[in-house]
Amino acid sequence: VQLVESGGGLVQAGDSLRLSCAASGSAFSINTMGWYRQRPGKQRELVATYTASGGITNYAGSVKGRFTIFRANAKNTMYLQMNRLKPEDTAVYYCNVGSYCSGAVCYGPVDYWGQGTQVTVSS
């Protein structure tokens, strides 16, 4: 399983960005997923999680109300919509899949990661 991220870049404080993470295979349906980030000099931290069953989301306090995690209707792509970005959001962002289904067969727990995408927010 490959996860390919895109959408990072350099923006100004207050701007928005949308990160995407596409899983290989059209029959791939994400069940549990998350976005993590690693800020300079810091350990990787959880940003947001999504569970398809029930549509449950959870957010780190620092991003709650500004970021939204969601899954595409096609179910093999996940997104992180980031609004009102702050300089402290500068980090490499990683997507993670914790369980999925491929056709009629479901797998989990798994631990698949995207390659990471850089987000830089200038003040």
PDB file of N, CA and C in Angstrom:
ATOM      1  N   VAL A   1       0.853  -1.191   0.000  1.00  0.00           N
ATOM      2  CA  VAL A   1       0.000   0.000   0.000  1.00  0.00           C
ATOM      3  C   VAL A   1       0.888   1.240   0.000  1.00  0.00           C
ATOM      4  N   GLN A   2       0.600   2.136  -0.921  1.00  0.00           N
ATOM      5  CA  GLN A   2       1.355   3.393  -0.976  1.00  0.00           C
ATOM      6  C   GLN A   2       0.435   4.557  -0.684  1.00  0.00           C
ATOM      7  N   LEU A   3       0.907   5.492   0.121  1.00  0.00           N
ATOM      8  CA  LEU A   3       0.184   6.722   0.392  1.00  0.00           C
ATOM      9  C   LEU A   3       1.005   7.868  -0.182  1.00  0.00           C
ATOM     10  N   VAL A   4       0.404   8.649  -1.043  1.00  0.00           N
ATOM     11  CA  VAL A   4       1.106   9.754  -1.693  1.00  0.00           C
ATOM     12  C   VAL A   4       0.468  11.058  -1.253  1.00  0.00           C
ATOM     13  N   GLU A   5       1.276  11.897  -0.627  1.00  0.00           N
ATOM     14  CA  GLU A   5       0.791  13.170  -0.113  1.00  0.00           C
ATOM     15  C   GLU A   5       1.080  14.296  -1.096  1.00  0.00           C
ATOM     16  N   SER A   6       0.239  15.324  -1.009  1.00  0.00           N
ATOM     17  CA  SER A   6       0.477  16.534  -1.779  1.00  0.00           C
ATOM     18  C   SER A   6      -0.215  17.698  -1.093  1.00  0.00           C
ATOM     19  N   GLY A   7       0.125  18.907  -1.530  1.00  0.00           N
ATOM     20  CA  GLY A   7      -0.590  20.081  -1.048  1.00  0.00           C
ATOM     21  C   GLY A   7       0.190  20.990  -0.127  1.00  0.00           C
ATOM     22  N   GLY A   8       1.379  20.587   0.287  1.00  0.00           N
ATOM     23  CA  GLY A   8       2.152  21.458   1.159  1.00  0.00           C
ATOM     24  C   GLY A   8       2.685  22.659   0.403  1.00  0.00           C
ATOM     25  N   GLY A   9       3.288  23.589   1.150  1.00  0.00           N
ATOM     26  CA  GLY A   9       3.863  24.750   0.509  1.00  0.00           C
ATOM     27  C   GLY A   9       4.173  25.844   1.498  1.00  0.00           C
ATOM     28  N   LEU A  10       4.517  26.992   0.949  1.00  0.00           N
ATOM     29  CA  LEU A  10       4.848  28.179   1.746  1.00  0.00           C
ATOM     30  C   LEU A  10       3.687  29.156   1.662  1.00  0.00           C
ATOM     31  N   VAL A  11       3.149  29.524   2.823  1.00  0.00           N
ATOM     32  CA  VAL A  11       2.033  30.457   2.871  1.00  0.00           C
ATOM     33  C   VAL A  11       2.280  31.478   3.964  1.00  0.00           C
ATOM     34  N   GLN A  12       1.441  32.492   3.992  1.00  0.00           N
ATOM     35  CA  GLN A  12       1.522  33.502   5.037  1.00  0.00           C
ATOM     36  C   GLN A  12       0.542  33.171   6.161  1.00  0.00           C
ATOM     37  N   ALA A  13       0.817  33.699   7.315  1.00  0.00           N
ATOM     38  CA  ALA A  13      -0.079  33.516   8.453  1.00  0.00           C
ATOM     39  C   ALA A  13      -1.482  33.981   8.073  1.00  0.00           C
ATOM     40  N   GLY A  14      -2.472  33.177   8.448  1.00  0.00           N
ATOM     41  CA  GLY A  14      -3.848  33.499   8.120  1.00  0.00           C
ATOM     42  C   GLY A  14      -4.353  32.829   6.854  1.00  0.00           C
ATOM     43  N   ASP A  15      -3.449  32.315   6.051  1.00  0.00           N
ATOM     44  CA  ASP A  15      -3.831  31.643   4.813  1.00  0.00           C
ATOM     45  C   ASP A  15      -4.358  30.233   5.089  1.00  0.00           C
ATOM     46  N   SER A  16      -4.803  29.587   4.022  1.00  0.00           N
ATOM     47  CA  SER A  16      -5.313  28.221   4.103  1.00  0.00           C
ATOM     48  C   SER A  16      -4.531  27.315   3.168  1.00  0.00           C
ATOM     49  N   LEU A  17      -4.484  26.046   3.515  1.00  0.00           N
ATOM     50  CA  LEU A  17      -3.909  25.007   2.661  1.00  0.00           C
ATOM     51  C   LEU A  17      -4.740  23.747   2.838  1.00  0.00           C
ATOM     52  N   ARG A  18      -4.777  22.937   1.788  1.00  0.00           N
ATOM     53  CA  ARG A  18      -5.420  21.634   1.894  1.00  0.00           C
ATOM     54  C   ARG A  18      -4.397  20.570   1.517  1.00  0.00           C
ATOM     55  N   LEU A  19      -4.134  19.674   2.447  1.00  0.00           N
ATOM     56  CA  LEU A  19      -3.261  18.545   2.195  1.00  0.00           C
ATOM     57  C   LEU A  19      -4.108  17.355   1.753  1.00  0.00           C
ATOM     58  N   SER A  20      -3.571  16.572   0.853  1.00  0.00           N
ATOM     59  CA  SER A  20      -4.262  15.351   0.443  1.00  0.00           C
ATOM     60  C   SER A  20      -3.332  14.164   0.560  1.00  0.00           C
ATOM     61  N   CYS A  21      -3.923  13.003   0.702  1.00  0.00           N
ATOM     62  CA  CYS A  21      -3.172  11.764   0.852  1.00  0.00           C
ATOM     63  C   CYS A  21      -3.951  10.697   0.114  1.00  0.00           C
ATOM     64  N   ALA A  22      -3.419  10.234  -0.987  1.00  0.00           N
ATOM     65  CA  ALA A  22      -4.112   9.261  -1.826  1.00  0.00           C
ATOM     66  C   ALA A  22      -3.494   7.883  -1.663  1.00  0.00           C
ATOM     67  N   ALA A  23      -4.342   6.907  -1.421  1.00  0.00           N
ATOM     68  CA  ALA A  23      -3.895   5.519  -1.299  1.00  0.00           C
ATOM     69  C   ALA A  23      -3.983   4.831  -2.653  1.00  0.00           C
ATOM     70  N   SER A  24      -3.029   3.962  -2.906  1.00  0.00           N
ATOM     71  CA  SER A  24      -3.007   3.265  -4.184  1.00  0.00           C
ATOM     72  C   SER A  24      -4.190   2.314  -4.288  1.00  0.00           C
ATOM     73  N   GLY A  25      -4.810   2.283  -5.480  1.00  0.00           N
ATOM     74  CA  GLY A  25      -5.899   1.340  -5.692  1.00  0.00           C
ATOM     75  C   GLY A  25      -7.253   1.979  -5.528  1.00  0.00           C
ATOM     76  N   SER A  26      -8.085   1.873  -6.554  1.00  0.00           N
ATOM     77  CA  SER A  26      -9.416   2.487  -6.520  1.00  0.00           C
ATOM     78  C   SER A  26     -10.345   1.739  -5.586  1.00  0.00           C
ATOM     79  N   ALA A  27     -10.028   0.454  -5.283  1.00  0.00           N
ATOM     80  CA  ALA A  27     -10.897  -0.328  -4.412  1.00  0.00           C
ATOM     81  C   ALA A  27     -10.524  -0.161  -2.947  1.00  0.00           C
ATOM     82  N   PHE A  28      -9.586   0.730  -2.688  1.00  0.00           N
ATOM     83  CA  PHE A  28      -9.080   0.953  -1.342  1.00  0.00           C
ATOM     84  C   PHE A  28     -10.019   1.908  -0.613  1.00  0.00           C
ATOM     85  N   SER A  29     -10.521   1.484   0.545  1.00  0.00           N
ATOM     86  CA  SER A  29     -11.433   2.311   1.325  1.00  0.00           C
ATOM     87  C   SER A  29     -10.849   2.503   2.728  1.00  0.00           C
ATOM     88  N   ILE A  30     -10.516   3.745   3.046  1.00  0.00           N
ATOM     89  CA  ILE A  30      -9.902   4.039   4.334  1.00  0.00           C
ATOM     90  C   ILE A  30     -10.949   3.977   5.443  1.00  0.00           C
ATOM     91  N   ASN A  31     -10.643   3.283   6.522  1.00  0.00           N
ATOM     92  CA  ASN A  31     -11.549   3.225   7.672  1.00  0.00           C
ATOM     93  C   ASN A  31     -11.091   4.110   8.824  1.00  0.00           C
ATOM     94  N   THR A  32      -9.831   4.013   9.183  1.00  0.00           N
ATOM     95  CA  THR A  32      -9.276   4.882  10.223  1.00  0.00           C
ATOM     96  C   THR A  32      -8.025   5.545   9.689  1.00  0.00           C
ATOM     97  N   MET A  33      -7.886   6.817   9.978  1.00  0.00           N
ATOM     98  CA  MET A  33      -6.770   7.557   9.420  1.00  0.00           C
ATOM     99  C   MET A  33      -6.401   8.707  10.331  1.00  0.00           C
ATOM    100  N   GLY A  34      -5.244   9.263  10.081  1.00  0.00           N
ATOM    101  CA  GLY A  34      -4.828  10.388  10.882  1.00  0.00           C
ATOM    102  C   GLY A  34      -3.812  11.236  10.157  1.00  0.00           C
ATOM    103  N   TRP A  35      -3.680  12.454  10.630  1.00  0.00           N
ATOM    104  CA  TRP A  35      -2.620  13.353  10.173  1.00  0.00           C
ATOM    105  C   TRP A  35      -1.728  13.669  11.374  1.00  0.00           C
ATOM    106  N   TYR A  36      -0.436  13.627  11.144  1.00  0.00           N
ATOM    107  CA  TYR A  36       0.554  13.929  12.159  1.00  0.00           C
ATOM    108  C   TYR A  36       1.483  15.000  11.596  1.00  0.00           C
ATOM    109  N   ARG A  37       2.224  15.631  12.490  1.00  0.00           N
ATOM    110  CA  ARG A  37       3.203  16.599  12.026  1.00  0.00           C
ATOM    111  C   ARG A  37       4.443  16.560  12.902  1.00  0.00           C
ATOM    112  N   GLN A  38       5.541  16.951  12.306  1.00  0.00           N
ATOM    113  CA  GLN A  38       6.781  17.045  13.050  1.00  0.00           C
ATOM    114  C   GLN A  38       7.341  18.449  12.855  1.00  0.00           C
ATOM    115  N   ARG A  39       7.269  19.226  13.891  1.00  0.00           N
ATOM    116  CA  ARG A  39       7.780  20.588  13.834  1.00  0.00           C
ATOM    117  C   ARG A  39       9.285  20.563  14.078  1.00  0.00           C
ATOM    118  N   PRO A  40       9.996  21.589  13.633  1.00  0.00           N
ATOM    119  CA  PRO A  40      11.461  21.616  13.784  1.00  0.00           C
ATOM    120  C   PRO A  40      11.878  21.412  15.231  1.00  0.00           C
ATOM    121  N   GLY A  41      12.751  20.444  15.462  1.00  0.00           N
ATOM    122  CA  GLY A  41      13.268  20.186  16.792  1.00  0.00           C
ATOM    123  C   GLY A  41      12.311  19.484  17.727  1.00  0.00           C
ATOM    124  N   LYS A  42      11.161  19.052  17.205  1.00  0.00           N
ATOM    125  CA  LYS A  42      10.146  18.425  18.054  1.00  0.00           C
ATOM    126  C   LYS A  42       9.884  17.004  17.588  1.00  0.00           C
ATOM    127  N   GLN A  43       9.225  16.241  18.455  1.00  0.00           N
ATOM    128  CA  GLN A  43       8.813  14.899  18.077  1.00  0.00           C
ATOM    129  C   GLN A  43       7.541  14.966  17.242  1.00  0.00           C
ATOM    130  N   ARG A  44       7.307  13.907  16.495  1.00  0.00           N
ATOM    131  CA  ARG A  44       6.081  13.836  15.705  1.00  0.00           C
ATOM    132  C   ARG A  44       4.883  13.849  16.643  1.00  0.00           C
ATOM    133  N   GLU A  45       3.856  14.601  16.272  1.00  0.00           N
ATOM    134  CA  GLU A  45       2.674  14.729  17.113  1.00  0.00           C
ATOM    135  C   GLU A  45       1.410  14.519  16.304  1.00  0.00           C
ATOM    136  N   LEU A  46       0.379  14.087  16.997  1.00  0.00           N
ATOM    137  CA  LEU A  46      -0.915  13.865  16.366  1.00  0.00           C
ATOM    138  C   LEU A  46      -1.597  15.198  16.112  1.00  0.00           C
ATOM    139  N   VAL A  47      -2.147  15.337  14.922  1.00  0.00           N
ATOM    140  CA  VAL A  47      -2.901  16.541  14.566  1.00  0.00           C
ATOM    141  C   VAL A  47      -4.400  16.241  14.575  1.00  0.00           C
ATOM    142  N   ALA A  48      -4.789  15.178  13.884  1.00  0.00           N
ATOM    143  CA  ALA A  48      -6.214  14.863  13.774  1.00  0.00           C
ATOM    144  C   ALA A  48      -6.388  13.401  13.397  1.00  0.00           C
ATOM    145  N   THR A  49      -7.510  12.833  13.820  1.00  0.00           N
ATOM    146  CA  THR A  49      -7.854  11.468  13.435  1.00  0.00           C
ATOM    147  C   THR A  49      -9.287  11.406  12.945  1.00  0.00           C
ATOM    148  N   TYR A  50      -9.558  10.394  12.137  1.00  0.00           N
ATOM    149  CA  TYR A  50     -10.906  10.191  11.586  1.00  0.00           C
ATOM    150  C   TYR A  50     -11.201   8.707  11.576  1.00  0.00           C
ATOM    151  N   THR A  51     -12.395   8.355  12.035  1.00  0.00           N
ATOM    152  CA  THR A  51     -12.875   6.976  11.979  1.00  0.00           C
ATOM    153  C   THR A  51     -14.135   6.962  11.138  1.00  0.00           C
ATOM    154  N   ALA A  52     -14.101   6.179  10.061  1.00  0.00           N
ATOM    155  CA  ALA A  52     -15.213   6.193   9.117  1.00  0.00           C
ATOM    156  C   ALA A  52     -16.510   5.725   9.773  1.00  0.00           C
ATOM    157  N   SER A  53     -16.414   4.717  10.612  1.00  0.00           N
ATOM    158  CA  SER A  53     -17.599   4.226  11.300  1.00  0.00           C
ATOM    159  C   SER A  53     -18.062   5.276  12.298  1.00  0.00           C
ATOM    160  N   GLY A  54     -19.158   5.937  11.975  1.00  0.00           N
ATOM    161  CA  GLY A  54     -19.654   7.004  12.827  1.00  0.00           C
ATOM    162  C   GLY A  54     -19.131   8.373  12.473  1.00  0.00           C
ATOM    163  N   GLY A  55     -18.171   8.439  11.561  1.00  0.00           N
ATOM    164  CA  GLY A  55     -17.629   9.735  11.156  1.00  0.00           C
ATOM    165  C   GLY A  55     -17.004  10.493  12.305  1.00  0.00           C
ATOM    166  N   ILE A  56     -16.307   9.782  13.188  1.00  0.00           N
ATOM    167  CA  ILE A  56     -15.761  10.397  14.396  1.00  0.00           C
ATOM    168  C   ILE A  56     -14.426  11.068  14.100  1.00  0.00           C
ATOM    169  N   THR A  57     -14.287  12.302  14.547  1.00  0.00           N
ATOM    170  CA  THR A  57     -13.039  13.028  14.380  1.00  0.00           C
ATOM    171  C   THR A  57     -12.506  13.483  15.734  1.00  0.00           C
ATOM    172  N   ASN A  58     -11.194  13.598  15.799  1.00  0.00           N
ATOM    173  CA  ASN A  58     -10.546  14.145  16.984  1.00  0.00           C
ATOM    174  C   ASN A  58      -9.412  15.048  16.545  1.00  0.00           C
ATOM    175  N   TYR A  59      -9.200  16.112  17.306  1.00  0.00           N
ATOM    176  CA  TYR A  59      -8.188  17.095  16.940  1.00  0.00           C
ATOM    177  C   TYR A  59      -7.307  17.449  18.132  1.00  0.00           C
ATOM    178  N   ALA A  60      -6.059  17.763  17.827  1.00  0.00           N
ATOM    179  CA  ALA A  60      -5.201  18.340  18.853  1.00  0.00           C
ATOM    180  C   ALA A  60      -5.750  19.709  19.229  1.00  0.00           C
ATOM    181  N   GLY A  61      -5.605  20.075  20.468  1.00  0.00           N
ATOM    182  CA  GLY A  61      -6.141  21.347  20.926  1.00  0.00           C
ATOM    183  C   GLY A  61      -5.625  22.540  20.146  1.00  0.00           C
ATOM    184  N   SER A  62      -4.381  22.451  19.697  1.00  0.00           N
ATOM    185  CA  SER A  62      -3.767  23.574  19.000  1.00  0.00           C
ATOM    186  C   SER A  62      -4.352  23.828  17.616  1.00  0.00           C
ATOM    187  N   VAL A  63      -5.063  22.842  17.058  1.00  0.00           N
ATOM    188  CA  VAL A  63      -5.608  23.013  15.706  1.00  0.00           C
ATOM    189  C   VAL A  63      -7.130  22.967  15.685  1.00  0.00           C
ATOM    190  N   LYS A  64      -7.738  22.650  16.804  1.00  0.00           N
ATOM    191  CA  LYS A  64      -9.192  22.516  16.846  1.00  0.00           C
ATOM    192  C   LYS A  64      -9.851  23.824  16.439  1.00  0.00           C
ATOM    193  N   GLY A  65     -10.826  23.711  15.551  1.00  0.00           N
ATOM    194  CA  GLY A  65     -11.512  24.899  15.076  1.00  0.00           C
ATOM    195  C   GLY A  65     -10.870  25.519  13.852  1.00  0.00           C
ATOM    196  N   ARG A  66      -9.636  25.102  13.536  1.00  0.00           N
ATOM    197  CA  ARG A  66      -8.950  25.642  12.359  1.00  0.00           C
ATOM    198  C   ARG A  66      -8.709  24.569  11.296  1.00  0.00           C
ATOM    199  N   PHE A  67      -8.491  23.349  11.721  1.00  0.00           N
ATOM    200  CA  PHE A  67      -8.207  22.251  10.796  1.00  0.00           C
ATOM    201  C   PHE A  67      -9.410  21.304  10.730  1.00  0.00           C
ATOM    202  N   THR A  68      -9.580  20.685   9.567  1.00  0.00           N
ATOM    203  CA  THR A  68     -10.637  19.695   9.377  1.00  0.00           C
ATOM    204  C   THR A  68     -10.072  18.492   8.648  1.00  0.00           C
ATOM    205  N   ILE A  69     -10.285  17.318   9.205  1.00  0.00           N
ATOM    206  CA  ILE A  69      -9.870  16.077   8.566  1.00  0.00           C
ATOM    207  C   ILE A  69     -11.102  15.445   7.939  1.00  0.00           C
ATOM    208  N   PHE A  70     -10.972  14.988   6.710  1.00  0.00           N
ATOM    209  CA  PHE A  70     -12.098  14.328   6.085  1.00  0.00           C
ATOM    210  C   PHE A  70     -11.605  13.389   4.995  1.00  0.00           C
ATOM    211  N   ARG A  71     -12.518  12.506   4.620  1.00  0.00           N
ATOM    212  CA  ARG A  71     -12.206  11.506   3.597  1.00  0.00           C
ATOM    213  C   ARG A  71     -13.020  11.814   2.356  1.00  0.00           C
ATOM    214  N   ALA A  72     -12.416  11.613   1.207  1.00  0.00           N
ATOM    215  CA  ALA A  72     -13.133  11.862  -0.041  1.00  0.00           C
ATOM    216  C   ALA A  72     -14.246  10.833  -0.234  1.00  0.00           C
ATOM    217  N   ASN A  73     -15.219  11.185  -1.063  1.00  0.00           N
ATOM    218  CA  ASN A  73     -16.300  10.247  -1.360  1.00  0.00           C
ATOM    219  C   ASN A  73     -15.774   8.965  -1.991  1.00  0.00           C
ATOM    220  N   ALA A  74     -14.664   9.092  -2.705  1.00  0.00           N
ATOM    221  CA  ALA A  74     -14.055   7.917  -3.324  1.00  0.00           C
ATOM    222  C   ALA A  74     -13.438   6.994  -2.296  1.00  0.00           C
ATOM    223  N   LYS A  75     -13.250   7.489  -1.063  1.00  0.00           N
ATOM    224  CA  LYS A  75     -12.804   6.717   0.104  1.00  0.00           C
ATOM    225  C   LYS A  75     -11.347   6.297   0.092  1.00  0.00           C
ATOM    226  N   ASN A  76     -10.625   6.574  -0.989  1.00  0.00           N
ATOM    227  CA  ASN A  76      -9.215   6.202  -0.969  1.00  0.00           C
ATOM    228  C   ASN A  76      -8.312   7.422  -0.837  1.00  0.00           C
ATOM    229  N   THR A  77      -8.919   8.564  -0.565  1.00  0.00           N
ATOM    230  CA  THR A  77      -8.154   9.787  -0.406  1.00  0.00           C
ATOM    231  C   THR A  77      -8.606  10.498   0.868  1.00  0.00           C
ATOM    232  N   MET A  78      -7.640  10.979   1.627  1.00  0.00           N
ATOM    233  CA  MET A  78      -7.948  11.723   2.837  1.00  0.00           C
ATOM    234  C   MET A  78      -7.376  13.120   2.721  1.00  0.00           C
ATOM    235  N   TYR A  79      -7.982  14.042   3.448  1.00  0.00           N
ATOM    236  CA  TYR A  79      -7.591  15.434   3.360  1.00  0.00           C
ATOM    237  C   TYR A  79      -7.411  16.037   4.745  1.00  0.00           C
ATOM    238  N   LEU A  80      -6.627  17.091   4.773  1.00  0.00           N
ATOM    239  CA  LEU A  80      -6.540  17.935   5.961  1.00  0.00           C
ATOM    240  C   LEU A  80      -6.679  19.374   5.476  1.00  0.00           C
ATOM    241  N   GLN A  81      -7.820  19.958   5.750  1.00  0.00           N
ATOM    242  CA  GLN A  81      -8.053  21.364   5.415  1.00  0.00           C
ATOM    243  C   GLN A  81      -7.535  22.205   6.572  1.00  0.00           C
ATOM    244  N   MET A  82      -6.614  23.094   6.275  1.00  0.00           N
ATOM    245  CA  MET A  82      -5.986  23.907   7.307  1.00  0.00           C
ATOM    246  C   MET A  82      -6.298  25.367   7.040  1.00  0.00           C
ATOM    247  N   ASN A  83      -7.023  25.980   7.959  1.00  0.00           N
ATOM    248  CA  ASN A  83      -7.400  27.386   7.834  1.00  0.00           C
ATOM    249  C   ASN A  83      -6.722  28.200   8.925  1.00  0.00           C
ATOM    250  N   ARG A  84      -6.649  29.493   8.682  1.00  0.00           N
ATOM    251  CA  ARG A  84      -6.067  30.426   9.663  1.00  0.00           C
ATOM    252  C   ARG A  84      -4.722  29.899  10.161  1.00  0.00           C
ATOM    253  N   LEU A  85      -3.865  29.579   9.234  1.00  0.00           N
ATOM    254  CA  LEU A  85      -2.574  29.010   9.588  1.00  0.00           C
ATOM    255  C   LEU A  85      -1.720  29.987  10.378  1.00  0.00           C
ATOM    256  N   LYS A  86      -0.924  29.428  11.282  1.00  0.00           N
ATOM    257  CA  LYS A  86      -0.044  30.212  12.134  1.00  0.00           C
ATOM    258  C   LYS A  86       1.401  29.765  11.896  1.00  0.00           C
ATOM    259  N   PRO A  87       2.358  30.614  12.196  1.00  0.00           N
ATOM    260  CA  PRO A  87       3.766  30.202  12.032  1.00  0.00           C
ATOM    261  C   PRO A  87       4.099  28.926  12.803  1.00  0.00           C
ATOM    262  N   GLU A  88       3.450  28.713  13.940  1.00  0.00           N
ATOM    263  CA  GLU A  88       3.733  27.515  14.729  1.00  0.00           C
ATOM    264  C   GLU A  88       3.155  26.251  14.101  1.00  0.00           C
ATOM    265  N   ASP A  89       2.401  26.382  13.024  1.00  0.00           N
ATOM    266  CA  ASP A  89       1.941  25.212  12.278  1.00  0.00           C
ATOM    267  C   ASP A  89       2.997  24.715  11.298  1.00  0.00           C
ATOM    268  N   THR A  90       4.091  25.441  11.179  1.00  0.00           N
ATOM    269  CA  THR A  90       5.165  25.027  10.291  1.00  0.00           C
ATOM    270  C   THR A  90       5.693  23.665  10.712  1.00  0.00           C
ATOM    271  N   ALA A  91       5.685  22.719   9.777  1.00  0.00           N
ATOM    272  CA  ALA A  91       6.059  21.343  10.091  1.00  0.00           C
ATOM    273  C   ALA A  91       6.031  20.505   8.826  1.00  0.00           C
ATOM    274  N   VAL A  92       6.563  19.303   8.944  1.00  0.00           N
ATOM    275  CA  VAL A  92       6.334  18.291   7.920  1.00  0.00           C
ATOM    276  C   VAL A  92       5.103  17.505   8.363  1.00  0.00           C
ATOM    277  N   TYR A  93       4.148  17.410   7.482  1.00  0.00           N
ATOM    278  CA  TYR A  93       2.893  16.741   7.793  1.00  0.00           C
ATOM    279  C   TYR A  93       2.863  15.359   7.142  1.00  0.00           C
ATOM    280  N   TYR A  94       2.411  14.378   7.929  1.00  0.00           N
ATOM    281  CA  TYR A  94       2.358  12.992   7.472  1.00  0.00           C
ATOM    282  C   TYR A  94       0.941  12.449   7.614  1.00  0.00           C
ATOM    283  N   CYS A  95       0.497  11.691   6.614  1.00  0.00           N
ATOM    284  CA  CYS A  95      -0.771  10.990   6.759  1.00  0.00           C
ATOM    285  C   CYS A  95      -0.502   9.555   7.198  1.00  0.00           C
ATOM    286  N   ASN A  96      -1.483   8.994   7.839  1.00  0.00           N
ATOM    287  CA  ASN A  96      -1.362   7.641   8.373  1.00  0.00           C
ATOM    288  C   ASN A  96      -2.678   6.915   8.207  1.00  0.00           C
ATOM    289  N   VAL A  97      -2.611   5.675   7.796  1.00  0.00           N
ATOM    290  CA  VAL A  97      -3.798   4.824   7.703  1.00  0.00           C
ATOM    291  C   VAL A  97      -3.670   3.707   8.731  1.00  0.00           C
ATOM    292  N   GLY A  98      -4.719   3.541   9.534  1.00  0.00           N
ATOM    293  CA  GLY A  98      -4.696   2.538  10.582  1.00  0.00           C
ATOM    294  C   GLY A  98      -5.503   1.292  10.270  1.00  0.00           C
ATOM    295  N   SER A  99      -6.464   1.420   9.344  1.00  0.00           N
ATOM    296  CA  SER A  99      -7.227   0.261   8.889  1.00  0.00           C
ATOM    297  C   SER A  99      -7.907   0.629   7.588  1.00  0.00           C
ATOM    298  N   TYR A 100      -8.177  -0.362   6.771  1.00  0.00           N
ATOM    299  CA  TYR A 100      -8.791  -0.109   5.478  1.00  0.00           C
ATOM    300  C   TYR A 100      -9.437  -1.381   4.970  1.00  0.00           C
ATOM    301  N   CYS A 101     -10.228  -1.215   3.930  1.00  0.00           N
ATOM    302  CA  CYS A 101     -10.798  -2.353   3.227  1.00  0.00           C
ATOM    303  C   CYS A 101     -10.366  -2.276   1.771  1.00  0.00           C
ATOM    304  N   SER A 102     -10.129  -3.416   1.215  1.00  0.00           N
ATOM    305  CA  SER A 102      -9.827  -3.529  -0.206  1.00  0.00           C
ATOM    306  C   SER A 102     -10.835  -4.509  -0.779  1.00  0.00           C
ATOM    307  N   GLY A 103     -11.794  -3.963  -1.505  1.00  0.00           N
ATOM    308  CA  GLY A 103     -12.906  -4.792  -1.930  1.00  0.00           C
ATOM    309  C   GLY A 103     -13.690  -5.239  -0.710  1.00  0.00           C
ATOM    310  N   ALA A 104     -13.922  -6.533  -0.606  1.00  0.00           N
ATOM    311  CA  ALA A 104     -14.712  -7.061   0.498  1.00  0.00           C
ATOM    312  C   ALA A 104     -13.857  -7.464   1.701  1.00  0.00           C
ATOM    313  N   VAL A 105     -12.559  -7.314   1.601  1.00  0.00           N
ATOM    314  CA  VAL A 105     -11.649  -7.743   2.668  1.00  0.00           C
ATOM    315  C   VAL A 105     -11.119  -6.518   3.408  1.00  0.00           C
ATOM    316  N   CYS A 106     -11.183  -6.573   4.727  1.00  0.00           N
ATOM    317  CA  CYS A 106     -10.720  -5.460   5.551  1.00  0.00           C
ATOM    318  C   CYS A 106      -9.475  -5.857   6.344  1.00  0.00           C
ATOM    319  N   TYR A 107      -8.610  -4.858   6.556  1.00  0.00           N
ATOM    320  CA  TYR A 107      -7.322  -5.099   7.207  1.00  0.00           C
ATOM    321  C   TYR A 107      -7.114  -4.089   8.329  1.00  0.00           C
ATOM    322  N   GLY A 108      -6.593  -4.596   9.412  1.00  0.00           N
ATOM    323  CA  GLY A 108      -6.241  -3.701  10.500  1.00  0.00           C
ATOM    324  C   GLY A 108      -6.045  -4.470  11.776  1.00  0.00           C
ATOM    325  N   PRO A 109      -5.262  -3.916  12.716  1.00  0.00           N
ATOM    326  CA  PRO A 109      -4.588  -2.626  12.555  1.00  0.00           C
ATOM    327  C   PRO A 109      -3.373  -2.727  11.629  1.00  0.00           C
ATOM    328  N   VAL A 110      -3.187  -1.644  10.869  1.00  0.00           N
ATOM    329  CA  VAL A 110      -2.006  -1.481  10.036  1.00  0.00           C
ATOM    330  C   VAL A 110      -1.384  -0.138  10.391  1.00  0.00           C
ATOM    331  N   ASP A 111      -0.255   0.154   9.816  1.00  0.00           N
ATOM    332  CA  ASP A 111       0.459   1.383  10.156  1.00  0.00           C
ATOM    333  C   ASP A 111       1.174   1.878   8.908  1.00  0.00           C
ATOM    334  N   TYR A 112       0.390   2.480   7.997  1.00  0.00           N
ATOM    335  CA  TYR A 112       0.937   2.976   6.747  1.00  0.00           C
ATOM    336  C   TYR A 112       1.107   4.482   6.808  1.00  0.00           C
ATOM    337  N   TRP A 113       2.233   4.948   6.272  1.00  0.00           N
ATOM    338  CA  TRP A 113       2.563   6.371   6.328  1.00  0.00           C
ATOM    339  C   TRP A 113       2.816   6.937   4.940  1.00  0.00           C
ATOM    340  N   GLY A 114       2.432   8.196   4.783  1.00  0.00           N
ATOM    341  CA  GLY A 114       2.803   8.930   3.594  1.00  0.00           C
ATOM    342  C   GLY A 114       4.240   9.414   3.715  1.00  0.00           C
ATOM    343  N   GLN A 115       4.745  10.013   2.640  1.00  0.00           N
ATOM    344  CA  GLN A 115       6.148  10.412   2.598  1.00  0.00           C
ATOM    345  C   GLN A 115       6.399  11.726   3.325  1.00  0.00           C
ATOM    346  N   GLY A 116       5.336  12.439   3.655  1.00  0.00           N
ATOM    347  CA  GLY A 116       5.484  13.724   4.327  1.00  0.00           C
ATOM    348  C   GLY A 116       5.472  14.867   3.337  1.00  0.00           C
ATOM    349  N   THR A 117       4.872  15.974   3.742  1.00  0.00           N
ATOM    350  CA  THR A 117       4.840  17.174   2.916  1.00  0.00           C
ATOM    351  C   THR A 117       5.109  18.383   3.807  1.00  0.00           C
ATOM    352  N   GLN A 118       5.961  19.273   3.331  1.00  0.00           N
ATOM    353  CA  GLN A 118       6.377  20.419   4.127  1.00  0.00           C
ATOM    354  C   GLN A 118       5.343  21.534   4.048  1.00  0.00           C
ATOM    355  N   VAL A 119       4.988  22.047   5.208  1.00  0.00           N
ATOM    356  CA  VAL A 119       4.132  23.227   5.304  1.00  0.00           C
ATOM    357  C   VAL A 119       4.929  24.294   6.061  1.00  0.00           C
ATOM    358  N   THR A 120       5.091  25.438   5.436  1.00  0.00           N
ATOM    359  CA  THR A 120       5.812  26.542   6.052  1.00  0.00           C
ATOM    360  C   THR A 120       4.914  27.765   6.081  1.00  0.00           C
ATOM    361  N   VAL A 121       4.728  28.318   7.267  1.00  0.00           N
ATOM    362  CA  VAL A 121       3.861  29.474   7.443  1.00  0.00           C
ATOM    363  C   VAL A 121       4.721  30.641   7.905  1.00  0.00           C
ATOM    364  N   SER A 122       4.759  31.676   7.106  1.00  0.00           N
ATOM    365  CA  SER A 122       5.556  32.850   7.457  1.00  0.00           C
ATOM    366  C   SER A 122       4.684  33.863   8.190  1.00  0.00           C
ATOM    367  N   SER A 123       5.320  34.629   9.049  1.00  0.00           N
ATOM    368  CA  SER A 123       4.568  35.616   9.848  1.00  0.00           C
ATOM    369  C   SER A 123       4.465  36.943   9.136  1.00  0.00           C
TER     370      SER A 123
END
